[in-house]
């Protein structure tokens, strides 16, 4: 995959994360915080995939770990400036629901489609 495409995806995803996803999903913890809550949203490349991740705090007294991270969306380059967009099921399976979208179309789907809520 060309480095220029990787850079474009990362820059556009960072803009979406900072301008839309974080304000929408990274909220102050409730006063009696005993349930998991999102503390950050990030994106990163791993091999040929770009992942959107949510970091959670686990403040409860019985938490196995104080934090954890989970991936909630994946863009896979399929050529010609197009990407397959998948969401992460609770079973650990990635399910592709869009097969050949542009970067902008993928990020619009992540922003608006309920399959991609972290």
PDB file of N, CA and C in Angstrom:
ATOM      1  N   UNK A   1       0.849  -1.172   0.000  1.00  0.00           N
ATOM      2  CA  UNK A   1       0.000   0.000   0.000  1.00  0.00           C
ATOM      3  C   UNK A   1       0.897   1.239   0.000  1.00  0.00           C
ATOM      4  N   UNK A   2       0.556   2.221  -0.811  1.00  0.00           N
ATOM      5  CA  UNK A   2       1.373   3.440  -0.854  1.00  0.00           C
ATOM      6  C   UNK A   2       1.351   4.197   0.483  1.00  0.00           C
ATOM      7  N   UNK A   3       2.510   4.719   0.853  1.00  0.00           N
ATOM      8  CA  UNK A   3       2.623   5.489   2.094  1.00  0.00           C
ATOM      9  C   UNK A   3       1.707   6.719   2.070  1.00  0.00           C
ATOM     10  N   UNK A   4       1.480   7.271   0.889  1.00  0.00           N
ATOM     11  CA  UNK A   4       0.607   8.454   0.797  1.00  0.00           C
ATOM     12  C   UNK A   4      -0.823   8.122   1.224  1.00  0.00           C
ATOM     13  N   UNK A   5      -1.295   6.925   0.913  1.00  0.00           N
ATOM     14  CA  UNK A   5      -2.646   6.515   1.328  1.00  0.00           C
ATOM     15  C   UNK A   5      -2.686   6.293   2.827  1.00  0.00           C
ATOM     16  N   UNK A   6      -1.637   5.665   3.362  1.00  0.00           N
ATOM     17  CA  UNK A   6      -1.583   5.463   4.814  1.00  0.00           C
ATOM     18  C   UNK A   6      -1.613   6.800   5.547  1.00  0.00           C
ATOM     19  N   UNK A   7      -0.859   7.762   5.051  1.00  0.00           N
ATOM     20  CA  UNK A   7      -0.816   9.085   5.688  1.00  0.00           C
ATOM     21  C   UNK A   7      -2.165   9.787   5.575  1.00  0.00           C
ATOM     22  N   UNK A   8      -2.816   9.674   4.426  1.00  0.00           N
ATOM     23  CA  UNK A   8      -4.133  10.297   4.247  1.00  0.00           C
ATOM     24  C   UNK A   8      -5.158   9.713   5.206  1.00  0.00           C
ATOM     25  N   UNK A   9      -5.196   8.391   5.313  1.00  0.00           N
ATOM     26  CA  UNK A   9      -6.148   7.735   6.220  1.00  0.00           C
ATOM     27  C   UNK A   9      -5.890   8.161   7.654  1.00  0.00           C
ATOM     28  N   UNK A  10      -4.638   8.136   8.080  1.00  0.00           N
ATOM     29  CA  UNK A  10      -4.306   8.492   9.460  1.00  0.00           C
ATOM     30  C   UNK A  10      -4.686   9.941   9.758  1.00  0.00           C
ATOM     31  N   UNK A  11      -4.410  10.854   8.849  1.00  0.00           N
ATOM     32  CA  UNK A  11      -4.722  12.269   9.083  1.00  0.00           C
ATOM     33  C   UNK A  11      -6.234  12.508   9.133  1.00  0.00           C
ATOM     34  N   UNK A  12      -6.957  11.925   8.203  1.00  0.00           N
ATOM     35  CA  UNK A  12      -8.411  12.119   8.186  1.00  0.00           C
ATOM     36  C   UNK A  12      -9.081  11.449   9.382  1.00  0.00           C
ATOM     37  N   UNK A  13      -8.577  10.281   9.773  1.00  0.00           N
ATOM     38  CA  UNK A  13      -9.133   9.603  10.945  1.00  0.00           C
ATOM     39  C   UNK A  13      -8.852  10.400  12.212  1.00  0.00           C
ATOM     40  N   UNK A  14      -7.655  10.951  12.334  1.00  0.00           N
ATOM     41  CA  UNK A  14      -7.327  11.768  13.507  1.00  0.00           C
ATOM     42  C   UNK A  14      -8.256  12.970  13.603  1.00  0.00           C
ATOM     43  N   UNK A  15      -8.551  13.588  12.473  1.00  0.00           N
ATOM     44  CA  UNK A  15      -9.486  14.722  12.477  1.00  0.00           C
ATOM     45  C   UNK A  15     -10.867  14.268  12.951  1.00  0.00           C
ATOM     46  N   UNK A  16     -11.355  13.143  12.457  1.00  0.00           N
ATOM     47  CA  UNK A  16     -12.657  12.618  12.898  1.00  0.00           C
ATOM     48  C   UNK A  16     -12.637  12.298  14.390  1.00  0.00           C
ATOM     49  N   UNK A  17     -11.565  11.675  14.839  1.00  0.00           N
ATOM     50  CA  UNK A  17     -11.453  11.313  16.256  1.00  0.00           C
ATOM     51  C   UNK A  17     -11.520  12.559  17.140  1.00  0.00           C
ATOM     52  N   UNK A  18     -10.717  13.554  16.808  1.00  0.00           N
ATOM     53  CA  UNK A  18     -10.640  14.754  17.644  1.00  0.00           C
ATOM     54  C   UNK A  18     -11.891  15.630  17.554  1.00  0.00           C
ATOM     55  N   UNK A  19     -12.483  15.727  16.383  1.00  0.00           N
ATOM     56  CA  UNK A  19     -13.599  16.665  16.206  1.00  0.00           C
ATOM     57  C   UNK A  19     -14.968  16.056  16.473  1.00  0.00           C
ATOM     58  N   UNK A  20     -15.111  14.737  16.320  1.00  0.00           N
ATOM     59  CA  UNK A  20     -16.437  14.121  16.460  1.00  0.00           C
ATOM     60  C   UNK A  20     -16.469  13.019  17.519  1.00  0.00           C
ATOM     61  N   UNK A  21     -15.609  12.017  17.367  1.00  0.00           N
ATOM     62  CA  UNK A  21     -15.720  10.838  18.216  1.00  0.00           C
ATOM     63  C   UNK A  21     -15.394  11.112  19.683  1.00  0.00           C
ATOM     64  N   UNK A  22     -14.304  11.826  19.947  1.00  0.00           N
ATOM     65  CA  UNK A  22     -13.972  12.113  21.347  1.00  0.00           C
ATOM     66  C   UNK A  22     -15.036  12.983  22.016  1.00  0.00           C
ATOM     67  N   UNK A  23     -15.462  14.086  21.403  1.00  0.00           N
ATOM     68  CA  UNK A  23     -16.511  14.873  22.060  1.00  0.00           C
ATOM     69  C   UNK A  23     -17.800  14.081  22.292  1.00  0.00           C
ATOM     70  N   UNK A  24     -18.101  13.153  21.415  1.00  0.00           N
ATOM     71  CA  UNK A  24     -19.336  12.370  21.520  1.00  0.00           C
ATOM     72  C   UNK A  24     -19.233  11.240  22.547  1.00  0.00           C
ATOM     73  N   UNK A  25     -18.059  10.589  22.647  1.00  0.00           N
ATOM     74  CA  UNK A  25     -17.953   9.357  23.438  1.00  0.00           C
ATOM     75  C   UNK A  25     -17.039   9.426  24.653  1.00  0.00           C
ATOM     76  N   UNK A  26     -16.092  10.358  24.688  1.00  0.00           N
ATOM     77  CA  UNK A  26     -15.199  10.456  25.845  1.00  0.00           C
ATOM     78  C   UNK A  26     -15.775  11.523  26.766  1.00  0.00           C
ATOM     79  N   UNK A  27     -16.512  11.051  27.748  1.00  0.00           N
ATOM     80  CA  UNK A  27     -17.227  11.932  28.668  1.00  0.00           C
ATOM     81  C   UNK A  27     -16.615  11.824  30.056  1.00  0.00           C
ATOM     82  N   UNK A  28     -16.835  12.822  30.909  1.00  0.00           N
ATOM     83  CA  UNK A  28     -16.323  12.715  32.277  1.00  0.00           C
ATOM     84  C   UNK A  28     -16.937  11.497  32.975  1.00  0.00           C
ATOM     85  N   UNK A  29     -16.171  10.840  33.825  1.00  0.00           N
ATOM     86  CA  UNK A  29     -16.724   9.675  34.524  1.00  0.00           C
ATOM     87  C   UNK A  29     -17.842  10.105  35.460  1.00  0.00           C
ATOM     88  N   UNK A  30     -18.810   9.237  35.652  1.00  0.00           N
ATOM     89  CA  UNK A  30     -19.877   9.564  36.595  1.00  0.00           C
ATOM     90  C   UNK A  30     -19.317   9.669  38.016  1.00  0.00           C
ATOM     91  N   UNK A  31     -19.972  10.432  38.875  1.00  0.00           N
ATOM     92  CA  UNK A  31     -19.457  10.626  40.244  1.00  0.00           C
ATOM     93  C   UNK A  31     -19.254   9.322  41.007  1.00  0.00           C
ATOM     94  N   UNK A  32     -20.124   8.369  40.801  1.00  0.00           N
ATOM     95  CA  UNK A  32     -19.991   7.079  41.487  1.00  0.00           C
ATOM     96  C   UNK A  32     -19.428   6.037  40.522  1.00  0.00           C
ATOM     97  N   UNK A  33     -18.347   6.396  39.864  1.00  0.00           N
ATOM     98  CA  UNK A  33     -17.778   5.584  38.789  1.00  0.00           C
ATOM     99  C   UNK A  33     -17.389   4.188  39.268  1.00  0.00           C
ATOM    100  N   UNK A  34     -18.231   3.237  38.977  1.00  0.00           N
ATOM    101  CA  UNK A  34     -17.903   1.844  39.253  1.00  0.00           C
ATOM    102  C   UNK A  34     -17.997   1.009  37.976  1.00  0.00           C
ATOM    103  N   UNK A  35     -18.493   1.617  36.897  1.00  0.00           N
ATOM    104  CA  UNK A  35     -18.621   0.914  35.626  1.00  0.00           C
ATOM    105  C   UNK A  35     -17.537   1.377  34.652  1.00  0.00           C
ATOM    106  N   UNK A  36     -17.237   0.532  33.706  1.00  0.00           N
ATOM    107  CA  UNK A  36     -16.261   0.889  32.679  1.00  0.00           C
ATOM    108  C   UNK A  36     -16.742   2.108  31.905  1.00  0.00           C
ATOM    109  N   UNK A  37     -15.812   2.982  31.533  1.00  0.00           N
ATOM    110  CA  UNK A  37     -16.149   4.134  30.711  1.00  0.00           C
ATOM    111  C   UNK A  37     -14.967   4.475  29.795  1.00  0.00           C
ATOM    112  N   UNK A  38     -15.302   5.057  28.640  1.00  0.00           N
ATOM    113  CA  UNK A  38     -14.279   5.385  27.641  1.00  0.00           C
ATOM    114  C   UNK A  38     -13.449   6.574  28.112  1.00  0.00           C
ATOM    115  N   UNK A  39     -12.128   6.415  28.016  1.00  0.00           N
ATOM    116  CA  UNK A  39     -11.219   7.491  28.400  1.00  0.00           C
ATOM    117  C   UNK A  39     -10.460   8.077  27.217  1.00  0.00           C
ATOM    118  N   UNK A  40     -10.423   7.341  26.094  1.00  0.00           N
ATOM    119  CA  UNK A  40      -9.709   7.839  24.923  1.00  0.00           C
ATOM    120  C   UNK A  40     -10.140   7.059  23.691  1.00  0.00           C
ATOM    121  N   UNK A  41      -9.989   7.688  22.532  1.00  0.00           N
ATOM    122  CA  UNK A  41     -10.203   7.035  21.244  1.00  0.00           C
ATOM    123  C   UNK A  41      -8.985   7.350  20.390  1.00  0.00           C
ATOM    124  N   UNK A  42      -8.484   6.343  19.700  1.00  0.00           N
ATOM    125  CA  UNK A  42      -7.283   6.521  18.886  1.00  0.00           C
ATOM    126  C   UNK A  42      -7.403   5.696  17.615  1.00  0.00           C
ATOM    127  N   UNK A  43      -6.442   5.887  16.738  1.00  0.00           N
ATOM    128  CA  UNK A  43      -6.372   5.109  15.516  1.00  0.00           C
ATOM    129  C   UNK A  43      -4.933   4.761  15.211  1.00  0.00           C
ATOM    130  N   UNK A  44      -4.719   3.597  14.583  1.00  0.00           N
ATOM    131  CA  UNK A  44      -3.354   3.219  14.227  1.00  0.00           C
ATOM    132  C   UNK A  44      -3.359   2.151  13.149  1.00  0.00           C
ATOM    133  N   UNK A  45      -2.280   2.148  12.386  1.00  0.00           N
ATOM    134  CA  UNK A  45      -2.072   1.132  11.368  1.00  0.00           C
ATOM    135  C   UNK A  45      -1.430  -0.090  11.999  1.00  0.00           C
ATOM    136  N   UNK A  46      -1.852  -1.263  11.553  1.00  0.00           N
ATOM    137  CA  UNK A  46      -1.196  -2.519  11.904  1.00  0.00           C
ATOM    138  C   UNK A  46      -1.282  -3.403  10.664  1.00  0.00           C
ATOM    139  N   UNK A  47      -0.135  -3.663  10.080  1.00  0.00           N
ATOM    140  CA  UNK A  47      -0.052  -4.367   8.800  1.00  0.00           C
ATOM    141  C   UNK A  47      -0.846  -3.597   7.756  1.00  0.00           C
ATOM    142  N   UNK A  48      -1.781  -4.226   7.074  1.00  0.00           N
ATOM    143  CA  UNK A  48      -2.559  -3.560   6.039  1.00  0.00           C
ATOM    144  C   UNK A  48      -3.881  -3.025   6.526  1.00  0.00           C
ATOM    145  N   UNK A  49      -4.061  -2.930   7.830  1.00  0.00           N
ATOM    146  CA  UNK A  49      -5.328  -2.492   8.405  1.00  0.00           C
ATOM    147  C   UNK A  49      -5.148  -1.211   9.208  1.00  0.00           C
ATOM    148  N   UNK A  50      -6.151  -0.339   9.144  1.00  0.00           N
ATOM    149  CA  UNK A  50      -6.196   0.821  10.030  1.00  0.00           C
ATOM    150  C   UNK A  50      -7.318   0.563  11.022  1.00  0.00           C
ATOM    151  N   UNK A  51      -6.996   0.609  12.314  1.00  0.00           N
ATOM    152  CA  UNK A  51      -7.958   0.326  13.377  1.00  0.00           C
ATOM    153  C   UNK A  51      -8.328   1.594  14.137  1.00  0.00           C
ATOM    154  N   UNK A  52      -9.585   1.683  14.512  1.00  0.00           N
ATOM    155  CA  UNK A  52     -10.044   2.687  15.463  1.00  0.00           C
ATOM    156  C   UNK A  52     -10.252   1.966  16.786  1.00  0.00           C
ATOM    157  N   UNK A  53      -9.670   2.523  17.856  1.00  0.00           N
ATOM    158  CA  UNK A  53      -9.647   1.878  19.168  1.00  0.00           C
ATOM    159  C   UNK A  53     -10.279   2.776  20.222  1.00  0.00           C
ATOM    160  N   UNK A  54     -10.892   2.144  21.201  1.00  0.00           N
ATOM    161  CA  UNK A  54     -11.395   2.855  22.368  1.00  0.00           C
ATOM    162  C   UNK A  54     -10.664   2.323  23.601  1.00  0.00           C
ATOM    163  N   UNK A  55     -10.192   3.233  24.446  1.00  0.00           N
ATOM    164  CA  UNK A  55      -9.569   2.861  25.718  1.00  0.00           C
ATOM    165  C   UNK A  55     -10.591   3.081  26.822  1.00  0.00           C
ATOM    166  N   UNK A  56     -10.686   2.119  27.710  1.00  0.00           N
ATOM    167  CA  UNK A  56     -11.657   2.158  28.800  1.00  0.00           C
ATOM    168  C   UNK A  56     -10.955   2.137  30.150  1.00  0.00           C
ATOM    169  N   UNK A  57     -11.536   2.818  31.116  1.00  0.00           N
ATOM    170  CA  UNK A  57     -11.108   2.713  32.506  1.00  0.00           C
ATOM    171  C   UNK A  57     -12.042   1.721  33.194  1.00  0.00           C
ATOM    172  N   UNK A  58     -11.480   0.950  34.110  1.00  0.00           N
ATOM    173  CA  UNK A  58     -12.248  -0.041  34.867  1.00  0.00           C
ATOM    174  C   UNK A  58     -12.094   0.290  36.346  1.00  0.00           C
ATOM    175  N   UNK A  59     -12.901   1.214  36.874  1.00  0.00           N
ATOM    176  CA  UNK A  59     -12.679   1.688  38.238  1.00  0.00           C
ATOM    177  C   UNK A  59     -13.254   0.797  39.341  1.00  0.00           C
ATOM    178  N   UNK A  60     -14.007  -0.209  39.023  1.00  0.00           N
ATOM    179  CA  UNK A  60     -14.652  -1.032  40.046  1.00  0.00           C
ATOM    180  C   UNK A  60     -13.654  -1.763  40.922  1.00  0.00           C
ATOM    181  N   UNK A  61     -14.053  -2.103  42.133  1.00  0.00           N
ATOM    182  CA  UNK A  61     -13.142  -2.770  43.071  1.00  0.00           C
ATOM    183  C   UNK A  61     -12.750  -4.183  42.634  1.00  0.00           C
ATOM    184  N   UNK A  62     -13.527  -4.808  41.770  1.00  0.00           N
ATOM    185  CA  UNK A  62     -13.231  -6.170  41.330  1.00  0.00           C
ATOM    186  C   UNK A  62     -12.648  -6.227  39.923  1.00  0.00           C
ATOM    187  N   UNK A  63     -12.176  -5.103  39.427  1.00  0.00           N
ATOM    188  CA  UNK A  63     -11.645  -5.049  38.063  1.00  0.00           C
ATOM    189  C   UNK A  63     -10.391  -5.916  37.946  1.00  0.00           C
ATOM    190  N   UNK A  64     -10.298  -6.662  36.873  1.00  0.00           N
ATOM    191  CA  UNK A  64      -9.121  -7.481  36.614  1.00  0.00           C
ATOM    192  C   UNK A  64      -7.939  -6.601  36.249  1.00  0.00           C
ATOM    193  N   UNK A  65      -8.220  -5.496  35.553  1.00  0.00           N
ATOM    194  CA  UNK A  65      -7.194  -4.559  35.111  1.00  0.00           C
ATOM    195  C   UNK A  65      -7.755  -3.148  35.246  1.00  0.00           C
ATOM    196  N   UNK A  66      -6.917  -2.150  35.502  1.00  0.00           N
ATOM    197  CA  UNK A  66      -7.443  -0.789  35.630  1.00  0.00           C
ATOM    198  C   UNK A  66      -7.898  -0.183  34.299  1.00  0.00           C
ATOM    199  N   UNK A  67      -7.376  -0.720  33.173  1.00  0.00           N
ATOM    200  CA  UNK A  67      -7.763  -0.217  31.857  1.00  0.00           C
ATOM    201  C   UNK A  67      -7.749  -1.360  30.855  1.00  0.00           C
ATOM    202  N   UNK A  68      -8.407  -1.142  29.719  1.00  0.00           N
ATOM    203  CA  UNK A  68      -8.276  -2.046  28.583  1.00  0.00           C
ATOM    204  C   UNK A  68      -8.588  -1.270  27.312  1.00  0.00           C
ATOM    205  N   UNK A  69      -8.148  -1.831  26.187  1.00  0.00           N
ATOM    206  CA  UNK A  69      -8.373  -1.199  24.891  1.00  0.00           C
ATOM    207  C   UNK A  69      -9.087  -2.198  23.992  1.00  0.00           C
ATOM    208  N   UNK A  70     -10.008  -1.690  23.190  1.00  0.00           N
ATOM    209  CA  UNK A  70     -10.710  -2.549  22.252  1.00  0.00           C
ATOM    210  C   UNK A  70     -10.831  -1.856  20.899  1.00  0.00           C
ATOM    211  N   UNK A  71     -10.702  -2.631  19.853  1.00  0.00           N
ATOM    212  CA  UNK A  71     -10.860  -2.106  18.503  1.00  0.00           C
ATOM    213  C   UNK A  71     -12.347  -2.142  18.157  1.00  0.00           C
ATOM    214  N   UNK A  72     -12.835  -1.097  17.478  1.00  0.00           N
ATOM    215  CA  UNK A  72     -14.254  -1.105  17.119  1.00  0.00           C
ATOM    216  C   UNK A  72     -14.509  -0.915  15.632  1.00  0.00           C
ATOM    217  N   UNK A  73     -13.510  -0.538  14.853  1.00  0.00           N
ATOM    218  CA  UNK A  73     -13.666  -0.406  13.405  1.00  0.00           C
ATOM    219  C   UNK A  73     -12.337  -0.705  12.726  1.00  0.00           C
ATOM    220  N   UNK A  74     -12.429  -1.254  11.507  1.00  0.00           N
ATOM    221  CA  UNK A  74     -11.221  -1.612  10.767  1.00  0.00           C
ATOM    222  C   UNK A  74     -11.394  -1.259   9.294  1.00  0.00           C
ATOM    223  N   UNK A  75     -10.425  -0.542   8.758  1.00  0.00           N
ATOM    224  CA  UNK A  75     -10.375  -0.248   7.329  1.00  0.00           C
ATOM    225  C   UNK A  75      -9.285  -1.118   6.717  1.00  0.00           C
ATOM    226  N   UNK A  76      -9.651  -1.835   5.670  1.00  0.00           N
ATOM    227  CA  UNK A  76      -8.703  -2.703   4.972  1.00  0.00           C
ATOM    228  C   UNK A  76      -8.581  -2.229   3.534  1.00  0.00           C
ATOM    229  N   UNK A  77      -7.373  -1.901   3.116  1.00  0.00           N
ATOM    230  CA  UNK A  77      -7.134  -1.422   1.766  1.00  0.00           C
ATOM    231  C   UNK A  77      -7.389  -2.547   0.772  1.00  0.00           C
ATOM    232  N   UNK A  78      -8.247  -2.275  -0.236  1.00  0.00           N
ATOM    233  CA  UNK A  78      -8.553  -3.289  -1.250  1.00  0.00           C
ATOM    234  C   UNK A  78      -8.080  -2.869  -2.636  1.00  0.00           C
ATOM    235  N   UNK A  79      -7.426  -1.708  -2.733  1.00  0.00           N
ATOM    236  CA  UNK A  79      -6.886  -1.237  -4.006  1.00  0.00           C
ATOM    237  C   UNK A  79      -7.725  -0.136  -4.612  1.00  0.00           C
ATOM    238  N   UNK A  80      -7.096   0.618  -5.493  1.00  0.00           N
ATOM    239  CA  UNK A  80      -7.807   1.676  -6.194  1.00  0.00           C
ATOM    240  C   UNK A  80      -8.350   2.768  -5.292  1.00  0.00           C
ATOM    241  N   UNK A  81      -7.699   2.998  -4.162  1.00  0.00           N
ATOM    242  CA  UNK A  81      -8.172   4.026  -3.233  1.00  0.00           C
ATOM    243  C   UNK A  81      -9.429   3.632  -2.474  1.00  0.00           C
ATOM    244  N   UNK A  82      -9.746   2.348  -2.438  1.00  0.00           N
ATOM    245  CA  UNK A  82     -10.961   1.841  -1.778  1.00  0.00           C
ATOM    246  C   UNK A  82     -10.605   0.957  -0.588  1.00  0.00           C
ATOM    247  N   UNK A  83     -11.560   0.904   0.357  1.00  0.00           N
ATOM    248  CA  UNK A  83     -11.360   0.155   1.596  1.00  0.00           C
ATOM    249  C   UNK A  83     -12.585  -0.671   1.936  1.00  0.00           C
ATOM    250  N   UNK A  84     -12.342  -1.822   2.549  1.00  0.00           N
ATOM    251  CA  UNK A  84     -13.407  -2.620   3.162  1.00  0.00           C
ATOM    252  C   UNK A  84     -13.514  -2.136   4.605  1.00  0.00           C
ATOM    253  N   UNK A  85     -14.721  -1.838   5.049  1.00  0.00           N
ATOM    254  CA  UNK A  85     -14.944  -1.335   6.407  1.00  0.00           C
ATOM    255  C   UNK A  85     -15.669  -2.407   7.211  1.00  0.00           C
ATOM    256  N   UNK A  86     -15.091  -2.755   8.356  1.00  0.00           N
ATOM    257  CA  UNK A  86     -15.627  -3.818   9.204  1.00  0.00           C
ATOM    258  C   UNK A  86     -15.831  -3.314  10.625  1.00  0.00           C
ATOM    259  N   UNK A  87     -16.762  -3.952  11.319  1.00  0.00           N
ATOM    260  CA  UNK A  87     -16.932  -3.677  12.745  1.00  0.00           C
ATOM    261  C   UNK A  87     -16.536  -4.915  13.532  1.00  0.00           C
ATOM    262  N   UNK A  88     -16.210  -4.728  14.788  1.00  0.00           N
ATOM    263  CA  UNK A  88     -15.744  -5.810  15.655  1.00  0.00           C
ATOM    264  C   UNK A  88     -16.894  -6.320  16.509  1.00  0.00           C
ATOM    265  N   UNK A  89     -17.227  -7.581  16.344  1.00  0.00           N
ATOM    266  CA  UNK A  89     -18.299  -8.185  17.142  1.00  0.00           C
ATOM    267  C   UNK A  89     -17.788  -8.551  18.526  1.00  0.00           C
ATOM    268  N   UNK A  90     -18.707  -8.705  19.443  1.00  0.00           N
ATOM    269  CA  UNK A  90     -18.346  -9.111  20.812  1.00  0.00           C
ATOM    270  C   UNK A  90     -17.726 -10.504  20.842  1.00  0.00           C
ATOM    271  N   UNK A  91     -17.889 -11.278  19.789  1.00  0.00           N
ATOM    272  CA  UNK A  91     -17.323 -12.625  19.704  1.00  0.00           C
ATOM    273  C   UNK A  91     -15.866 -12.623  19.278  1.00  0.00           C
ATOM    274  N   UNK A  92     -15.349 -11.431  18.901  1.00  0.00           N
ATOM    275  CA  UNK A  92     -13.982 -11.321  18.423  1.00  0.00           C
ATOM    276  C   UNK A  92     -13.877 -11.367  16.909  1.00  0.00           C
ATOM    277  N   UNK A  93     -14.982 -11.586  16.235  1.00  0.00           N
ATOM    278  CA  UNK A  93     -15.003 -11.669  14.777  1.00  0.00           C
ATOM    279  C   UNK A  93     -15.128 -10.285  14.148  1.00  0.00           C
ATOM    280  N   UNK A  94     -14.406 -10.058  13.042  1.00  0.00           N
ATOM    281  CA  UNK A  94     -14.561  -8.840  12.252  1.00  0.00           C
ATOM    282  C   UNK A  94     -15.598  -9.112  11.176  1.00  0.00           C
ATOM    283  N   UNK A  95     -16.579  -8.223  11.052  1.00  0.00           N
ATOM    284  CA  UNK A  95     -17.640  -8.380  10.066  1.00  0.00           C
ATOM    285  C   UNK A  95     -17.579  -7.205   9.102  1.00  0.00           C
ATOM    286  N   UNK A  96     -17.301  -7.508   7.836  1.00  0.00           N
ATOM    287  CA  UNK A  96     -17.252  -6.470   6.808  1.00  0.00           C
ATOM    288  C   UNK A  96     -18.660  -6.122   6.355  1.00  0.00           C
ATOM    289  N   UNK A  97     -19.012  -4.851   6.454  1.00  0.00           N
ATOM    290  CA  UNK A  97     -20.348  -4.463   6.006  1.00  0.00           C
ATOM    291  C   UNK A  97     -20.306  -3.521   4.809  1.00  0.00           C
ATOM    292  N   UNK A  98     -19.167  -2.921   4.548  1.00  0.00           N
ATOM    293  CA  UNK A  98     -18.996  -2.101   3.355  1.00  0.00           C
ATOM    294  C   UNK A  98     -17.757  -2.611   2.635  1.00  0.00           C
ATOM    295  N   UNK A  99     -17.879  -2.855   1.338  1.00  0.00           N
ATOM    296  CA  UNK A  99     -16.817  -3.554   0.618  1.00  0.00           C
ATOM    297  C   UNK A  99     -15.850  -2.672  -0.151  1.00  0.00           C
ATOM    298  N   UNK A 100     -16.237  -1.515  -0.620  1.00  0.00           N
ATOM    299  CA  UNK A 100     -15.329  -0.738  -1.465  1.00  0.00           C
ATOM    300  C   UNK A 100     -15.646   0.747  -1.363  1.00  0.00           C
ATOM    301  N   UNK A 101     -15.355   1.316  -0.196  1.00  0.00           N
ATOM    302  CA  UNK A 101     -15.627   2.729   0.035  1.00  0.00           C
ATOM    303  C   UNK A 101     -14.341   3.543  -0.038  1.00  0.00           C
ATOM    304  N   UNK A 102     -14.480   4.819  -0.340  1.00  0.00           N
ATOM    305  CA  UNK A 102     -13.344   5.733  -0.245  1.00  0.00           C
ATOM    306  C   UNK A 102     -13.046   5.995   1.233  1.00  0.00           C
ATOM    307  N   UNK A 103     -11.924   6.616   1.501  1.00  0.00           N
ATOM    308  CA  UNK A 103     -11.576   6.969   2.883  1.00  0.00           C
ATOM    309  C   UNK A 103     -12.672   7.841   3.497  1.00  0.00           C
ATOM    310  N   UNK A 104     -13.106   8.845   2.771  1.00  0.00           N
ATOM    311  CA  UNK A 104     -14.128   9.755   3.294  1.00  0.00           C
ATOM    312  C   UNK A 104     -15.443   9.031   3.566  1.00  0.00           C
ATOM    313  N   UNK A 105     -15.826   8.122   2.687  1.00  0.00           N
ATOM    314  CA  UNK A 105     -17.061   7.357   2.899  1.00  0.00           C
ATOM    315  C   UNK A 105     -16.938   6.448   4.113  1.00  0.00           C
ATOM    316  N   UNK A 106     -15.779   5.832   4.293  1.00  0.00           N
ATOM    317  CA  UNK A 106     -15.549   4.983   5.472  1.00  0.00           C
ATOM    318  C   UNK A 106     -15.688   5.791   6.759  1.00  0.00           C
ATOM    319  N   UNK A 107     -15.033   6.937   6.799  1.00  0.00           N
ATOM    320  CA  UNK A 107     -15.044   7.730   8.030  1.00  0.00           C
ATOM    321  C   UNK A 107     -16.426   8.327   8.289  1.00  0.00           C
ATOM    322  N   UNK A 108     -17.169   8.630   7.240  1.00  0.00           N
ATOM    323  CA  UNK A 108     -18.544   9.097   7.414  1.00  0.00           C
ATOM    324  C   UNK A 108     -19.404   7.979   8.014  1.00  0.00           C
ATOM    325  N   UNK A 109     -19.191   6.744   7.559  1.00  0.00           N
ATOM    326  CA  UNK A 109     -19.914   5.602   8.115  1.00  0.00           C
ATOM    327  C   UNK A 109     -19.548   5.390   9.587  1.00  0.00           C
ATOM    328  N   UNK A 110     -18.258   5.505   9.911  1.00  0.00           N
ATOM    329  CA  UNK A 110     -17.839   5.371  11.314  1.00  0.00           C
ATOM    330  C   UNK A 110     -18.519   6.442  12.165  1.00  0.00           C
ATOM    331  N   UNK A 111     -18.637   7.625  11.639  1.00  0.00           N
ATOM    332  CA  UNK A 111     -19.265   8.725  12.367  1.00  0.00           C
ATOM    333  C   UNK A 111     -20.770   8.513  12.558  1.00  0.00           C
ATOM    334  N   UNK A 112     -21.462   8.013  11.532  1.00  0.00           N
ATOM    335  CA  UNK A 112     -22.919   8.006  11.532  1.00  0.00           C
ATOM    336  C   UNK A 112     -23.581   6.651  11.727  1.00  0.00           C
ATOM    337  N   UNK A 113     -22.899   5.572  11.416  1.00  0.00           N
ATOM    338  CA  UNK A 113     -23.520   4.250  11.439  1.00  0.00           C
ATOM    339  C   UNK A 113     -23.441   3.644  12.839  1.00  0.00           C
ATOM    340  N   UNK A 114     -24.548   3.149  13.377  1.00  0.00           N
ATOM    341  CA  UNK A 114     -24.533   2.600  14.744  1.00  0.00           C
ATOM    342  C   UNK A 114     -23.689   1.332  14.916  1.00  0.00           C
ATOM    343  N   UNK A 115     -23.260   0.698  13.829  1.00  0.00           N
ATOM    344  CA  UNK A 115     -22.385  -0.468  13.957  1.00  0.00           C
ATOM    345  C   UNK A 115     -21.013  -0.086  14.501  1.00  0.00           C
ATOM    346  N   UNK A 116     -20.657   1.186  14.429  1.00  0.00           N
ATOM    347  CA  UNK A 116     -19.304   1.604  14.788  1.00  0.00           C
ATOM    348  C   UNK A 116     -19.245   2.441  16.063  1.00  0.00           C
ATOM    349  N   UNK A 117     -20.178   2.266  16.939  1.00  0.00           N
ATOM    350  CA  UNK A 117     -20.141   2.958  18.234  1.00  0.00           C
ATOM    351  C   UNK A 117     -19.132   2.222  19.118  1.00  0.00           C
ATOM    352  N   UNK A 118     -18.168   2.938  19.682  1.00  0.00           N
ATOM    353  CA  UNK A 118     -17.168   2.250  20.529  1.00  0.00           C
ATOM    354  C   UNK A 118     -17.769   1.686  21.801  1.00  0.00           C
TER     355      UNK A 118
END
